């Protein structure tokens, strides 16, 4: 969940998603690497702001999962907070009652250009390979409209391969 100024009008959809049984996870209020990865404190301040922004729509005390912008193994954080900032954040997650989740399949829908729905579909199929449990990274933004177009075919492909869909908490217990 990213809650920045440009998507505030969509925040009420969080309540709909939660009511439909979808799991809500925290991501970032700003998604500005240069700000959030200056220090562990800066990251947690960003998460606090995110929780404040979404609290009218979801019980933030029930949110125990997050995904670091760039993932838990990102190297861009070193540029802003040094080599140890991600290790510190990962350690602090459990202390603060969170589990962090990474993806193991990337749709490559936000790596530049505007990939077609077919390209996104092929990326997901290729990256899934022989994996039996997948967390797929996809983006929903003004610049990634074709992701939504690809999604029905991706879901059907996973079903055809025998995959089932579940909430993250069903696979990775909360701390």
Protein backbone atom coordinates (compact mmCIF):
# COMPACT_ATOMS: atom_id res chain seq x y z
CA UNK A 1 0.00 0.00 0.00
CA UNK A 2 1.43 3.32 -1.11
CA UNK A 3 -0.43 6.44 -0.02
CA UNK A 4 0.99 9.51 -1.67
CA UNK A 5 -0.70 12.71 -2.74
CA UNK A 6 -1.40 11.47 -6.26
CA UNK A 7 -3.51 8.51 -5.17
CA UNK A 8 -5.36 9.84 -2.13
CA UNK A 9 -8.68 9.77 -3.98
CA UNK A 10 -8.36 5.98 -4.20
CA UNK A 11 -7.72 5.39 -0.49
CA UNK A 12 -11.38 4.53 0.23
CA UNK A 13 -10.89 1.45 -1.97
CA UNK A 14 -8.74 0.01 0.83
CA UNK A 15 -11.86 -0.58 2.90
CA UNK A 16 -13.49 -2.38 -0.04
CA UNK A 17 -10.43 -4.57 -0.56
CA UNK A 18 -10.24 -5.49 3.12
CA UNK A 19 -13.99 -6.21 3.24
CA UNK A 20 -13.58 -8.52 0.23
CA UNK A 21 -11.02 -10.56 2.18
CA UNK A 22 -7.85 -9.23 0.61
CA UNK A 23 -4.83 -8.76 2.80
CA UNK A 24 -3.59 -5.21 3.17
CA UNK A 25 0.14 -4.74 3.65
CA UNK A 26 2.19 -1.62 4.26
CA UNK A 27 4.68 -0.31 1.71
CA UNK A 28 5.43 3.42 1.91
CA UNK A 29 3.79 6.80 2.27
CA UNK A 30 6.18 8.49 -0.13
CA UNK A 31 8.17 5.82 -1.98
CA UNK A 32 11.05 8.30 -2.11
CA UNK A 33 14.15 6.16 -1.60
CA UNK A 34 16.30 9.21 -0.87
CA UNK A 35 14.06 10.09 2.06
CA UNK A 36 12.96 6.76 3.51
CA UNK A 37 16.35 5.06 3.39
CA UNK A 38 18.35 7.86 5.03
CA UNK A 39 18.04 5.91 8.28
CA UNK A 40 15.91 3.30 9.98
CA UNK A 41 14.13 6.10 11.84
CA UNK A 42 13.27 7.81 8.54
CA UNK A 43 11.75 4.58 7.21
CA UNK A 44 9.60 4.04 10.30
CA UNK A 45 8.47 7.68 10.20
CA UNK A 46 7.30 7.04 6.65
CA UNK A 47 5.40 3.92 7.77
CA UNK A 48 3.79 5.91 10.61
CA UNK A 49 2.64 8.51 8.09
CA UNK A 50 1.27 5.77 5.83
CA UNK A 51 -0.69 4.27 8.72
CA UNK A 52 -2.11 7.70 9.56
CA UNK A 53 -3.25 8.18 5.97
CA UNK A 54 -4.98 4.82 5.67
CA UNK A 55 -6.37 4.56 9.21
CA UNK A 56 -9.78 5.97 8.21
CA UNK A 57 -10.20 2.98 5.89
CA UNK A 58 -8.63 0.02 7.66
CA UNK A 59 -7.69 -1.01 11.18
CA UNK A 60 -3.96 -0.36 10.99
CA UNK A 61 -3.36 -2.28 14.24
CA UNK A 62 -4.28 -5.42 12.28
CA UNK A 63 -1.59 -4.86 9.63
CA UNK A 64 1.45 -7.04 10.28
CA UNK A 65 3.04 -7.31 6.83
CA UNK A 66 5.09 -4.89 4.80
CA UNK A 67 7.19 -4.80 1.69
CA UNK A 68 10.21 -2.57 1.52
CA UNK A 69 10.35 -0.30 -1.55
CA UNK A 70 12.88 -2.03 -3.78
CA UNK A 71 12.64 -5.23 -1.71
CA UNK A 72 14.61 -6.35 1.32
CA UNK A 73 17.75 -6.95 -0.72
CA UNK A 74 17.77 -3.63 -2.54
CA UNK A 75 21.10 -1.90 -2.92
CA UNK A 76 19.79 1.60 -3.60
CA UNK A 77 19.24 2.07 0.14
CA UNK A 78 23.03 2.02 0.63
CA UNK A 79 23.31 5.23 -1.36
CA UNK A 80 21.20 7.06 1.22
CA UNK A 81 21.58 5.27 4.54
CA UNK A 82 24.75 3.25 4.22
CA UNK A 83 25.41 -0.46 3.98
CA UNK A 84 23.66 -1.39 7.21
CA UNK A 85 20.29 0.32 6.85
CA UNK A 86 18.45 -2.66 5.33
CA UNK A 87 19.89 -5.11 7.86
CA UNK A 88 18.78 -2.79 10.64
CA UNK A 89 15.28 -2.45 9.17
CA UNK A 90 14.88 -6.20 8.72
CA UNK A 91 15.88 -6.78 12.34
CA UNK A 92 13.49 -4.09 13.55
CA UNK A 93 10.53 -5.55 11.68
CA UNK A 94 9.95 -8.41 14.12
CA UNK A 95 10.66 -6.13 17.07
CA UNK A 96 7.89 -3.83 15.83
CA UNK A 97 5.46 -6.66 15.09
CA UNK A 98 5.90 -6.91 11.32
CA UNK A 99 6.97 -9.54 8.87
CA UNK A 100 8.46 -8.32 5.61
CA UNK A 101 7.58 -10.02 2.37
CA UNK A 102 9.53 -10.06 -0.87
CA UNK A 103 8.50 -11.18 -4.32
CA UNK A 104 9.99 -14.08 -6.24
CA UNK A 105 8.29 -13.32 -9.56
CA UNK A 106 8.49 -9.88 -11.16
CA UNK A 107 6.05 -8.85 -13.89
CA UNK A 108 8.61 -6.23 -14.99
CA UNK A 109 5.74 -3.83 -15.54
CA UNK A 110 7.50 -0.82 -14.01
CA UNK A 111 11.07 -1.17 -15.25
CA UNK A 112 10.75 1.42 -17.99
CA UNK A 113 8.69 1.92 -21.09
CA UNK A 114 5.13 0.69 -21.20
CA UNK A 115 5.16 -3.07 -21.70
CA UNK A 116 2.13 -4.59 -23.37
CA UNK A 117 -0.24 -6.89 -21.49
CA UNK A 118 1.24 -9.77 -23.49
CA UNK A 119 4.78 -8.87 -22.44
CA UNK A 120 3.74 -8.69 -18.79
CA UNK A 121 2.01 -12.07 -19.08
CA UNK A 122 5.10 -13.66 -20.67
CA UNK A 123 7.36 -12.14 -17.99
CA UNK A 124 5.26 -13.69 -15.22
CA UNK A 125 5.15 -17.10 -16.91
CA UNK A 126 8.93 -17.04 -17.54
CA UNK A 127 9.81 -15.91 -14.01
CA UNK A 128 7.48 -18.44 -12.42
CA UNK A 129 9.40 -21.27 -14.06
CA UNK A 130 9.30 -24.34 -11.83
CA UNK A 131 8.43 -22.49 -8.62
CA UNK A 132 5.56 -23.88 -6.58
CA UNK A 133 4.87 -20.82 -4.40
CA UNK A 134 4.91 -17.39 -5.95
CA UNK A 135 4.56 -13.84 -4.80
CA UNK A 136 4.26 -11.75 -7.94
CA UNK A 137 5.36 -8.11 -8.00
CA UNK A 138 2.95 -6.00 -10.05
CA UNK A 139 2.15 -2.32 -10.00
CA UNK A 140 -1.10 -0.42 -10.28
CA UNK A 141 -0.45 3.13 -11.38
CA UNK A 142 -1.10 5.55 -14.19
CA UNK A 143 2.06 4.36 -15.95
CA UNK A 144 1.29 0.65 -15.65
CA UNK A 145 -2.26 0.41 -17.04
CA UNK A 146 -1.45 -2.71 -19.05
CA UNK A 147 -0.84 -4.65 -15.84
CA UNK A 148 -4.58 -4.67 -15.14
CA UNK A 149 -5.17 -5.85 -18.70
CA UNK A 150 -2.75 -8.75 -18.23
CA UNK A 151 -4.07 -9.81 -14.83
CA UNK A 152 -7.06 -11.98 -15.90
CA UNK A 153 -4.84 -14.05 -18.22
CA UNK A 154 -2.15 -14.35 -15.55
CA UNK A 155 -4.67 -15.53 -12.97
CA UNK A 156 -6.10 -18.06 -15.42
CA UNK A 157 -2.61 -19.32 -16.31
CA UNK A 158 -1.78 -19.88 -12.64
CA UNK A 159 -5.08 -21.72 -12.13
CA UNK A 160 -4.41 -23.86 -15.21
CA UNK A 161 -1.02 -24.78 -13.68
CA UNK A 162 -2.73 -25.93 -10.47
CA UNK A 163 -1.90 -22.91 -8.32
CA UNK A 164 -4.30 -21.68 -5.68
CA UNK A 165 -4.50 -18.15 -4.34
CA UNK A 166 -4.27 -17.26 -0.68
CA UNK A 167 -3.44 -14.44 1.68
CA UNK A 168 0.21 -13.95 2.62
CA UNK A 169 -0.59 -14.75 6.25
CA UNK A 170 -1.66 -18.25 5.20
CA UNK A 171 1.89 -18.98 4.03
CA UNK A 172 4.00 -16.72 6.23
CA UNK A 173 2.76 -16.44 9.82
CA UNK A 174 2.80 -12.97 11.34
CA UNK A 175 5.37 -12.36 14.08
